[in-house]
Every structure is written in C-alpha cells, then in structure tokens.
Amino acid sequence: MKNYLARIAVKSAMRQISVIAIFIFTANLSEAQPYYIFSYTYQNVTRANGGGTLETGDTIEVRALMKIDRVASRLYYIDTIPAGLQYIPNSMKIVTNEGLLFDGPYSDASNDDKGVYIATAPARLRINIGTGTTNAQNGAGFGSATGGGTVNPGDKPKFYGTTLLVVAYRMRVTAAFGSTVYPTGTFRYRDYNSVNQVQRMNYAGIRIMANQDLCVNFSSASFTAESSFGQGNVQNRAAGANVPGYTKVNLGLNAPQDNYYSI
C-alpha cells in the first residue's frame, strides 16, 4: 500500500519553490514599483517537520520580504496583530532569503533597539530597517515617519547585486477551530524619487482546521485536503486533485515544471 503525494512547482521573481504535500509555504507577491518587490509568507513552525493544517495553539512565523533595486529611505515595518493570533514576545528579527538570522532578535521594549511591541489594544509592532535608524519607540514615536533607515541596493543581505531582506516574527494561534485568521503587515518607505510609499500586505486568510487521521501512525493531513491509496508500483495517479491554477502532468525527469503538478 502506498500514499500518493502531490508535488507542485511554483516560480517567483526571486526563486523557485517546490512544495511537497506535507510542507506548508505560501506566498503572495506584489510589486509597488519596478524597483521594489514585496512578498508575504508564513510557516507553521509547530509542524515544520511533519506539515499539516493550522491548529489552535500552533505557532507561525510571518516572513515579509522586500527586494530593493533602488535606494529606499525612512524604511520601517509595522503590523497590527489581528484577532485570533497572539504575538510571541521578543521574536522580531531580520533574516535572509534563506531564513538565516541577519539582525536581531529585537526586544519588545521601547527605545532600546530597532524593534518595539505595544501589548495594549490594538496590539502592534514596529521594526526600523537599514542604516541610520533610531531606536523604535512606543507612544507618539510609534507612528512617526522618521526613525526608519536607508537601504541601498547591494547592502547586506545581498541578492545578485541588489538587497533582499525579510522581516520575521512569530505568533501563536488563539482562534478556535473553524475560524479564519488574516495576517497583515505594512512596509513604509521613501522611494528614489523622494516620494513616500506604503506597501500593505493583506493575506487572504488561513483556516484553522484540525488535522484528520489518515492512518494509525499518521503525521498530518496533506495540504490538498484529500488523499488516496493504491496497490502495486504505478508511479502516477490517474485522477487529479483540487489544485486551482495548475495543470496535472505525469511525474518525470523534468516534470512537473512551473504551473503544473503531479501525483
């Protein structure tokens, strides 16, 4: 008896990502200007080794990416923690595209480093980014247009002659099963024309669902929300799956390619 796994190939402007059924990694790319590219993703840290749906009590790590091809000044990131999620203290940091720590982690306290978290409702956080930053502050300084730093293309963390940085922080799921949570985040900066810009990411929503048992020693449910079992040594399943926007092809040496999937 064998379990078929779905494999999907996805390609973004920065990198190629192959996603196998038990791994959850979602991205929403947007482009405010040709020289500034943004992406917003999350990873279920609790189930990083087994995959599965997002359950009450799980911890996710938000990763908000900005790729910089022209100078960006007064750069900072803010987020209001949405209902159903609870910020995990002192988890703010800057990481590379590979997920390696670049700067931080920052404390939640005011005026001691580049990050600050305000626990009183509405709970929110701020991270000042780049060179020439001032310490992040609560109170009147929290929403100030100043305080953010400058990033020139080619500054670390580097990405093929440009700069690619990722704001990361963790939250715990407090929403009940059946609920949907909506993570957000906003980059604010002054572009190379000295025009103030706002790039807000509104994630489509994450449904909180209990993992369903597949067998006695299961690890977690597949992200396709359906699974099948077969006999023998047939490599490819005839039936497709509910994978909107992708075309099913048989698994091969160079397949699936971008915009295709195999089971």
C-alpha atoms as a PDB file:
ATOM      1  CA  MET A   1       0.000   0.000   0.000  1.00  0.00           C
ATOM      2  CA  LYS A   2       1.302   3.462  -0.826  1.00  0.00           C
ATOM      3  CA  ASN A   3       0.189   7.017  -0.321  1.00  0.00           C
ATOM      4  CA  TYR A   4       0.320   9.367  -3.304  1.00  0.00           C
ATOM      5  CA  LEU A   5       1.858  12.758  -2.587  1.00  0.00           C
ATOM      6  CA  ALA A   6       1.124  15.900  -4.597  1.00  0.00           C
ATOM      7  CA  ARG A   7       4.064  17.922  -5.873  1.00  0.00           C
ATOM      8  CA  ILE A   8       3.635  21.444  -7.220  1.00  0.00           C
ATOM      9  CA  ALA A   9       6.274  23.622  -8.863  1.00  0.00           C
ATOM     10  CA  VAL A  10       5.950  27.373  -8.341  1.00  0.00           C
ATOM     11  CA  LYS A  11       8.274  30.071  -9.601  1.00  0.00           C
ATOM     12  CA  SER A  12       8.559  33.610  -8.246  1.00  0.00           C
ATOM     13  CA  ALA A  13      10.645  36.515  -9.450  1.00  0.00           C
ATOM     14  CA  MET A  14      13.300  35.731  -6.844  1.00  0.00           C
ATOM     15  CA  ARG A  15      13.498  31.961  -6.581  1.00  0.00           C
ATOM     16  CA  GLN A  16      11.917  28.629  -7.439  1.00  0.00           C
ATOM     17  CA  ILE A  17       9.974  26.821  -4.755  1.00  0.00           C
ATOM     18  CA  SER A  18       8.942  23.183  -4.945  1.00  0.00           C
ATOM     19  CA  VAL A  19       6.215  22.365  -2.480  1.00  0.00           C
ATOM     20  CA  ILE A  20       5.512  18.774  -1.426  1.00  0.00           C
ATOM     21  CA  ALA A  21       2.206  17.891   0.171  1.00  0.00           C
ATOM     22  CA  ILE A  22       3.295  17.826   3.794  1.00  0.00           C
ATOM     23  CA  PHE A  23       5.048  21.237   3.712  1.00  0.00           C
ATOM     24  CA  ILE A  24       3.117  24.483   4.007  1.00  0.00           C
ATOM     25  CA  PHE A  25       4.753  27.567   2.490  1.00  0.00           C
ATOM     26  CA  THR A  26       2.540  30.189   0.975  1.00  0.00           C
ATOM     27  CA  ALA A  27       3.456  33.417  -0.733  1.00  0.00           C
ATOM     28  CA  ASN A  28       1.690  36.444  -2.109  1.00  0.00           C
ATOM     29  CA  LEU A  29       3.902  38.555  -4.358  1.00  0.00           C
ATOM     30  CA  SER A  30       3.137  42.150  -5.191  1.00  0.00           C
ATOM     31  CA  GLU A  31       5.096  44.911  -6.893  1.00  0.00           C
ATOM     32  CA  ALA A  32       4.547  48.514  -5.860  1.00  0.00           C
ATOM     33  CA  GLN A  33       7.140  49.834  -8.327  1.00  0.00           C
ATOM     34  CA  PRO A  34       9.576  48.111 -10.714  1.00  0.00           C
ATOM     35  CA  TYR A  35      12.415  48.681  -8.246  1.00  0.00           C
ATOM     36  CA  TYR A  36      10.702  47.434  -5.078  1.00  0.00           C
ATOM     37  CA  ILE A  37       9.251  43.939  -4.898  1.00  0.00           C
ATOM     38  CA  PHE A  38       7.376  42.504  -1.930  1.00  0.00           C
ATOM     39  CA  SER A  39       6.318  39.075  -0.727  1.00  0.00           C
ATOM     40  CA  TYR A  40       4.388  37.897   2.322  1.00  0.00           C
ATOM     41  CA  THR A  41       4.587  34.336   3.602  1.00  0.00           C
ATOM     42  CA  TYR A  42       4.150  32.303   6.755  1.00  0.00           C
ATOM     43  CA  GLN A  43       5.451  28.988   8.030  1.00  0.00           C
ATOM     44  CA  ASN A  44       3.792  26.736  10.577  1.00  0.00           C
ATOM     45  CA  VAL A  45       6.757  26.366  12.940  1.00  0.00           C
ATOM     46  CA  THR A  46       4.924  23.853  15.122  1.00  0.00           C
ATOM     47  CA  ARG A  47       4.558  21.423  12.206  1.00  0.00           C
ATOM     48  CA  ALA A  48       7.729  22.232  10.274  1.00  0.00           C
ATOM     49  CA  ASN A  49       8.854  18.592  10.402  1.00  0.00           C
ATOM     50  CA  GLY A  50       5.534  16.987   9.532  1.00  0.00           C
ATOM     51  CA  GLY A  51       3.291  19.500   7.823  1.00  0.00           C
ATOM     52  CA  GLY A  52      -0.432  19.675   8.258  1.00  0.00           C
ATOM     53  CA  THR A  53      -3.204  22.175   8.762  1.00  0.00           C
ATOM     54  CA  LEU A  54      -3.015  25.134  11.126  1.00  0.00           C
ATOM     55  CA  GLU A  55      -4.496  24.253  14.512  1.00  0.00           C
ATOM     56  CA  THR A  56      -5.349  26.219  17.639  1.00  0.00           C
ATOM     57  CA  GLY A  57      -2.156  26.571  19.693  1.00  0.00           C
ATOM     58  CA  ASP A  58       0.224  26.296  16.723  1.00  0.00           C
ATOM     59  CA  THR A  59       2.994  28.852  16.219  1.00  0.00           C
ATOM     60  CA  ILE A  60       3.520  30.542  12.870  1.00  0.00           C
ATOM     61  CA  GLU A  61       6.413  32.689  11.708  1.00  0.00           C
ATOM     62  CA  VAL A  62       5.444  35.557   9.430  1.00  0.00           C
ATOM     63  CA  ARG A  63       8.035  36.486   6.801  1.00  0.00           C
ATOM     64  CA  ALA A  64       7.548  39.792   4.996  1.00  0.00           C
ATOM     65  CA  LEU A  65      10.067  40.225   2.177  1.00  0.00           C
ATOM     66  CA  MET A  66      11.280  43.344   0.414  1.00  0.00           C
ATOM     67  CA  LYS A  67      13.645  43.328  -2.579  1.00  0.00           C
ATOM     68  CA  ILE A  68      15.323  46.682  -3.167  1.00  0.00           C
ATOM     69  CA  ASP A  69      16.768  47.711  -6.553  1.00  0.00           C
ATOM     70  CA  ARG A  70      16.852  51.463  -5.862  1.00  0.00           C
ATOM     71  CA  VAL A  71      17.556  53.364  -2.670  1.00  0.00           C
ATOM     72  CA  ALA A  72      14.822  53.213  -0.020  1.00  0.00           C
ATOM     73  CA  SER A  73      14.966  55.647   2.913  1.00  0.00           C
ATOM     74  CA  ARG A  74      12.900  56.156   6.061  1.00  0.00           C
ATOM     75  CA  LEU A  75      12.198  52.427   5.829  1.00  0.00           C
ATOM     76  CA  TYR A  76      10.252  50.674   8.565  1.00  0.00           C
ATOM     77  CA  TYR A  77       7.708  47.868   9.008  1.00  0.00           C
ATOM     78  CA  ILE A  78       4.585  47.904  11.155  1.00  0.00           C
ATOM     79  CA  ASP A  79       1.855  45.397  11.910  1.00  0.00           C
ATOM     80  CA  THR A  80      -1.314  45.350  13.973  1.00  0.00           C
ATOM     81  CA  ILE A  81      -1.747  41.848  15.400  1.00  0.00           C
ATOM     82  CA  PRO A  82      -5.085  40.528  14.078  1.00  0.00           C
ATOM     83  CA  ALA A  83      -7.781  38.749  16.036  1.00  0.00           C
ATOM     84  CA  GLY A  84      -7.077  35.056  16.534  1.00  0.00           C
ATOM     85  CA  LEU A  85      -3.298  35.497  16.713  1.00  0.00           C
ATOM     86  CA  GLN A  86      -1.071  36.374  19.679  1.00  0.00           C
ATOM     87  CA  TYR A  87       2.404  37.850  19.245  1.00  0.00           C
ATOM     88  CA  ILE A  88       5.231  35.831  20.818  1.00  0.00           C
ATOM     89  CA  PRO A  89       7.477  38.153  22.863  1.00  0.00           C
ATOM     90  CA  ASN A  90      10.920  39.176  21.583  1.00  0.00           C
ATOM     91  CA  SER A  91      10.577  37.297  18.280  1.00  0.00           C
ATOM     92  CA  MET A  92      11.116  40.233  15.883  1.00  0.00           C
ATOM     93  CA  LYS A  93      14.169  39.932  13.624  1.00  0.00           C
ATOM     94  CA  ILE A  94      15.551  40.391  10.112  1.00  0.00           C
ATOM     95  CA  VAL A  95      16.502  37.232   8.209  1.00  0.00           C
ATOM     96  CA  THR A  96      17.945  36.461   4.789  1.00  0.00           C
ATOM     97  CA  ASN A  97      16.102  34.877   1.882  1.00  0.00           C
ATOM     98  CA  GLU A  98      17.425  31.515   3.148  1.00  0.00           C
ATOM     99  CA  GLY A  99      15.956  32.137   6.606  1.00  0.00           C
ATOM    100  CA  LEU A 100      19.319  32.844   8.276  1.00  0.00           C
ATOM    101  CA  LEU A 101      19.432  35.444  11.036  1.00  0.00           C
ATOM    102  CA  PHE A 102      20.787  38.791   9.785  1.00  0.00           C
ATOM    103  CA  ASP A 103      19.849  41.211  12.571  1.00  0.00           C
ATOM    104  CA  GLY A 104      18.108  40.865  15.921  1.00  0.00           C
ATOM    105  CA  PRO A 105      16.166  39.399  17.519  1.00  0.00           C
ATOM    106  CA  TYR A 106      14.867  42.677  18.878  1.00  0.00           C
ATOM    107  CA  SER A 107      13.356  43.184  22.293  1.00  0.00           C
ATOM    108  CA  ASP A 108       9.796  44.369  22.742  1.00  0.00           C
ATOM    109  CA  ALA A 109      10.847  47.270  24.975  1.00  0.00           C
ATOM    110  CA  SER A 110      10.663  50.850  23.772  1.00  0.00           C
ATOM    111  CA  ASN A 111      13.718  52.866  22.747  1.00  0.00           C
ATOM    112  CA  ASP A 112      16.381  50.150  23.292  1.00  0.00           C
ATOM    113  CA  ASP A 113      16.833  48.760  19.753  1.00  0.00           C
ATOM    114  CA  LYS A 114      15.219  48.743  16.289  1.00  0.00           C
ATOM    115  CA  GLY A 115      12.067  46.879  17.375  1.00  0.00           C
ATOM    116  CA  VAL A 116       9.171  47.690  19.669  1.00  0.00           C
ATOM    117  CA  TYR A 117       5.941  45.920  20.589  1.00  0.00           C
ATOM    118  CA  ILE A 118       2.909  47.522  22.199  1.00  0.00           C
ATOM    119  CA  ALA A 119       0.719  44.999  24.022  1.00  0.00           C
ATOM    120  CA  THR A 120      -2.229  47.301  24.795  1.00  0.00           C
ATOM    121  CA  ALA A 121      -5.081  47.047  22.307  1.00  0.00           C
ATOM    122  CA  PRO A 122      -4.715  47.258  19.442  1.00  0.00           C
ATOM    123  CA  ALA A 123      -1.523  45.205  19.842  1.00  0.00           C
ATOM    124  CA  ARG A 124       1.072  46.247  17.284  1.00  0.00           C
ATOM    125  CA  LEU A 125       4.766  46.159  16.457  1.00  0.00           C
ATOM    126  CA  ARG A 126       7.323  48.228  14.564  1.00  0.00           C
ATOM    127  CA  ILE A 127      10.798  47.475  13.181  1.00  0.00           C
ATOM    128  CA  ASN A 128      13.096  50.223  11.855  1.00  0.00           C
ATOM    129  CA  ILE A 129      15.236  48.963   8.972  1.00  0.00           C
ATOM    130  CA  GLY A 130      18.540  49.977   7.390  1.00  0.00           C
ATOM    131  CA  THR A 131      21.434  52.249   8.299  1.00  0.00           C
ATOM    132  CA  GLY A 132      20.915  55.461  10.227  1.00  0.00           C
ATOM    133  CA  THR A 133      17.870  54.179  12.113  1.00  0.00           C
ATOM    134  CA  THR A 134      16.851  55.401  15.539  1.00  0.00           C
ATOM    135  CA  ASN A 135      15.532  53.116  18.251  1.00  0.00           C
ATOM    136  CA  ALA A 136      11.874  52.165  17.818  1.00  0.00           C
ATOM    137  CA  GLN A 137       9.566  53.767  20.371  1.00  0.00           C
ATOM    138  CA  ASN A 138       6.033  53.435  21.628  1.00  0.00           C
ATOM    139  CA  GLY A 139       3.749  56.388  22.235  1.00  0.00           C
ATOM    140  CA  ALA A 140       3.892  59.297  19.798  1.00  0.00           C
ATOM    141  CA  GLY A 141       7.089  57.959  18.226  1.00  0.00           C
ATOM    142  CA  PHE A 142       5.462  54.715  17.122  1.00  0.00           C
ATOM    143  CA  GLY A 143       3.739  56.167  14.053  1.00  0.00           C
ATOM    144  CA  SER A 144       6.438  58.690  13.203  1.00  0.00           C
ATOM    145  CA  ALA A 145       7.507  58.837   9.555  1.00  0.00           C
ATOM    146  CA  THR A 146      11.079  59.309  10.755  1.00  0.00           C
ATOM    147  CA  GLY A 147      13.207  56.724  12.542  1.00  0.00           C
ATOM    148  CA  GLY A 148      13.448  54.282   9.669  1.00  0.00           C
ATOM    149  CA  GLY A 149      16.810  53.859   7.979  1.00  0.00           C
ATOM    150  CA  THR A 150      18.245  53.762   4.462  1.00  0.00           C
ATOM    151  CA  VAL A 151      18.914  50.699   2.318  1.00  0.00           C
ATOM    152  CA  ASN A 152      20.917  50.980  -0.898  1.00  0.00           C
ATOM    153  CA  PRO A 153      20.816  48.171  -3.472  1.00  0.00           C
ATOM    154  CA  GLY A 154      23.783  45.939  -2.745  1.00  0.00           C
ATOM    155  CA  ASP A 155      23.642  46.452   1.011  1.00  0.00           C
ATOM    156  CA  LYS A 156      23.552  43.261   3.060  1.00  0.00           C
ATOM    157  CA  PRO A 157      21.723  40.962   2.920  1.00  0.00           C
ATOM    158  CA  LYS A 158      22.702  40.919  -0.744  1.00  0.00           C
ATOM    159  CA  PHE A 159      20.834  39.279  -3.599  1.00  0.00           C
ATOM    160  CA  TYR A 160      22.566  39.298  -7.020  1.00  0.00           C
ATOM    161  CA  GLY A 161      23.671  42.912  -6.780  1.00  0.00           C
ATOM    162  CA  THR A 162      20.507  44.080  -5.030  1.00  0.00           C
ATOM    163  CA  THR A 163      19.253  43.785  -1.474  1.00  0.00           C
ATOM    164  CA  LEU A 164      16.665  41.296  -0.259  1.00  0.00           C
ATOM    165  CA  LEU A 165      15.627  41.395   3.389  1.00  0.00           C
ATOM    166  CA  VAL A 166      12.913  39.569   5.291  1.00  0.00           C
ATOM    167  CA  VAL A 167      11.123  40.836   8.398  1.00  0.00           C
ATOM    168  CA  ALA A 168      10.215  37.861  10.602  1.00  0.00           C
ATOM    169  CA  TYR A 169       8.280  37.446  13.838  1.00  0.00           C
ATOM    170  CA  ARG A 170       6.169  34.751  15.462  1.00  0.00           C
ATOM    171  CA  MET A 171       2.550  34.497  16.548  1.00  0.00           C
ATOM    172  CA  ARG A 172       0.530  31.825  18.313  1.00  0.00           C
ATOM    173  CA  VAL A 173      -2.897  30.795  17.032  1.00  0.00           C
ATOM    174  CA  THR A 174      -5.619  31.525  19.590  1.00  0.00           C
ATOM    175  CA  ALA A 175      -8.561  31.290  17.177  1.00  0.00           C
ATOM    176  CA  ALA A 176     -10.966  28.378  17.578  1.00  0.00           C
ATOM    177  CA  PHE A 177     -11.300  25.568  15.052  1.00  0.00           C
ATOM    178  CA  GLY A 178     -13.409  26.679  12.111  1.00  0.00           C
ATOM    179  CA  SER A 179     -12.220  30.279  12.361  1.00  0.00           C
ATOM    180  CA  THR A 180     -10.135  32.146   9.791  1.00  0.00           C
ATOM    181  CA  VAL A 181      -7.211  34.422  10.677  1.00  0.00           C
ATOM    182  CA  TYR A 182      -5.961  37.245   8.460  1.00  0.00           C
ATOM    183  CA  PRO A 183      -2.280  38.170   8.981  1.00  0.00           C
ATOM    184  CA  THR A 184      -1.188  41.566   7.706  1.00  0.00           C
ATOM    185  CA  GLY A 185       1.867  43.798   7.577  1.00  0.00           C
ATOM    186  CA  THR A 186       2.994  47.084   6.065  1.00  0.00           C
ATOM    187  CA  PHE A 187       6.291  48.440   4.737  1.00  0.00           C
ATOM    188  CA  ARG A 188       6.619  52.246   4.735  1.00  0.00           C
ATOM    189  CA  TYR A 189       9.480  53.979   2.940  1.00  0.00           C
ATOM    190  CA  ARG A 190      10.580  56.903   0.787  1.00  0.00           C
ATOM    191  CA  ASP A 191      11.461  55.831  -2.750  1.00  0.00           C
ATOM    192  CA  TYR A 192      14.297  57.009  -5.017  1.00  0.00           C
ATOM    193  CA  ASN A 193      12.134  59.939  -6.158  1.00  0.00           C
ATOM    194  CA  SER A 194      11.672  61.038  -2.515  1.00  0.00           C
ATOM    195  CA  VAL A 195       8.002  60.019  -2.624  1.00  0.00           C
ATOM    196  CA  ASN A 196       6.550  58.358   0.487  1.00  0.00           C
ATOM    197  CA  GLN A 197       5.249  54.867  -0.267  1.00  0.00           C
ATOM    198  CA  VAL A 198       3.101  52.365   1.609  1.00  0.00           C
ATOM    199  CA  GLN A 199       3.060  48.654   0.758  1.00  0.00           C
ATOM    200  CA  ARG A 200       0.436  46.781   2.755  1.00  0.00           C
ATOM    201  CA  MET A 201       0.093  43.003   2.631  1.00  0.00           C
ATOM    202  CA  ASN A 202      -3.338  41.537   3.363  1.00  0.00           C
ATOM    203  CA  TYR A 203      -3.157  37.769   3.494  1.00  0.00           C
ATOM    204  CA  ALA A 204      -6.199  36.030   2.017  1.00  0.00           C
ATOM    205  CA  GLY A 205      -6.858  34.125   5.228  1.00  0.00           C
ATOM    206  CA  ILE A 206      -5.779  30.932   6.998  1.00  0.00           C
ATOM    207  CA  ARG A 207      -8.473  28.472   8.041  1.00  0.00           C
ATOM    208  CA  ILE A 208      -7.977  26.877  11.462  1.00  0.00           C
ATOM    209  CA  MET A 209      -8.675  23.165  10.997  1.00  0.00           C
ATOM    210  CA  ALA A 210      -7.932  20.019  12.973  1.00  0.00           C
ATOM    211  CA  ASN A 211      -5.643  17.513  11.277  1.00  0.00           C
ATOM    212  CA  GLN A 212      -7.576  14.429  10.179  1.00  0.00           C
ATOM    213  CA  ASP A 213      -6.184  10.936  10.818  1.00  0.00           C
ATOM    214  CA  LEU A 214      -5.067   9.142   7.672  1.00  0.00           C
ATOM    215  CA  CYS A 215      -3.857   6.003   9.430  1.00  0.00           C
ATOM    216  CA  VAL A 216      -2.839   4.874  12.917  1.00  0.00           C
ATOM    217  CA  ASN A 217       0.663   6.346  12.758  1.00  0.00           C
ATOM    218  CA  PHE A 218      -0.122   9.403  10.627  1.00  0.00           C
ATOM    219  CA  SER A 219       1.934  12.585  10.927  1.00  0.00           C
ATOM    220  CA  SER A 220      -0.519  15.090   9.463  1.00  0.00           C
ATOM    221  CA  ALA A 221      -3.010  15.680   6.716  1.00  0.00           C
ATOM    222  CA  SER A 222      -1.801  16.720   3.280  1.00  0.00           C
ATOM    223  CA  PHE A 223      -2.371  20.333   2.219  1.00  0.00           C
ATOM    224  CA  THR A 224      -4.520  19.076  -0.675  1.00  0.00           C
ATOM    225  CA  ALA A 225      -7.149  18.094   1.936  1.00  0.00           C
ATOM    226  CA  GLU A 226      -7.629  14.729   0.214  1.00  0.00           C
ATOM    227  CA  SER A 227      -5.514  11.624  -0.184  1.00  0.00           C
ATOM    228  CA  SER A 228      -5.733   8.214  -1.865  1.00  0.00           C
ATOM    229  CA  PHE A 229      -4.050   4.851  -1.546  1.00  0.00           C
ATOM    230  CA  GLY A 230      -3.156   2.383  -4.266  1.00  0.00           C
ATOM    231  CA  GLN A 231      -1.667  -1.044  -4.857  1.00  0.00           C
ATOM    232  CA  GLY A 232       1.367  -2.092  -6.884  1.00  0.00           C
ATOM    233  CA  ASN A 233       4.128   0.013  -8.402  1.00  0.00           C
ATOM    234  CA  VAL A 234       2.213   2.533 -10.517  1.00  0.00           C
ATOM    235  CA  GLN A 235       4.026   5.848 -10.261  1.00  0.00           C
ATOM    236  CA  ASN A 236       1.333   8.311 -11.338  1.00  0.00           C
ATOM    237  CA  ARG A 237      -2.242   8.541 -10.152  1.00  0.00           C
ATOM    238  CA  ALA A 238      -4.812   8.887 -12.906  1.00  0.00           C
ATOM    239  CA  ALA A 239      -7.178  11.178 -11.017  1.00  0.00           C
ATOM    240  CA  GLY A 240      -6.250  14.786 -10.401  1.00  0.00           C
ATOM    241  CA  ALA A 241      -6.658  16.891  -7.279  1.00  0.00           C
ATOM    242  CA  ASN A 242      -8.197  20.237  -6.410  1.00  0.00           C
ATOM    243  CA  VAL A 243      -5.227  22.460  -7.318  1.00  0.00           C
ATOM    244  CA  PRO A 244      -6.643  25.681  -8.848  1.00  0.00           C
ATOM    245  CA  GLY A 245      -4.433  27.305 -11.468  1.00  0.00           C
ATOM    246  CA  TYR A 246      -2.240  24.246 -12.122  1.00  0.00           C
ATOM    247  CA  THR A 247      -2.336  21.514 -14.765  1.00  0.00           C
ATOM    248  CA  LYS A 248      -1.757  17.852 -13.884  1.00  0.00           C
ATOM    249  CA  VAL A 249       1.096  16.025 -15.652  1.00  0.00           C
ATOM    250  CA  ASN A 250       2.812  12.716 -15.001  1.00  0.00           C
ATOM    251  CA  LEU A 251       5.873  12.813 -12.766  1.00  0.00           C
ATOM    252  CA  GLY A 252       9.035  12.691 -14.887  1.00  0.00           C
ATOM    253  CA  LEU A 253      12.687  13.653 -15.030  1.00  0.00           C
ATOM    254  CA  ASN A 254      11.822  17.278 -15.770  1.00  0.00           C
ATOM    255  CA  ALA A 255       8.255  17.336 -14.553  1.00  0.00           C
ATOM    256  CA  PRO A 256       6.387  18.988 -13.059  1.00  0.00           C
ATOM    257  CA  GLN A 257       7.546  22.348 -14.353  1.00  0.00           C
ATOM    258  CA  ASP A 258       6.163  25.737 -13.384  1.00  0.00           C
ATOM    259  CA  ASN A 259       2.348  25.880 -13.274  1.00  0.00           C
ATOM    260  CA  TYR A 260       1.974  22.073 -13.326  1.00  0.00           C
ATOM    261  CA  TYR A 261       1.578  19.400 -10.649  1.00  0.00           C
ATOM    262  CA  SER A 262       1.990  15.623 -10.392  1.00  0.00           C
ATOM    263  CA  ILE A 263       0.519  12.956  -8.135  1.00  0.00           C
END
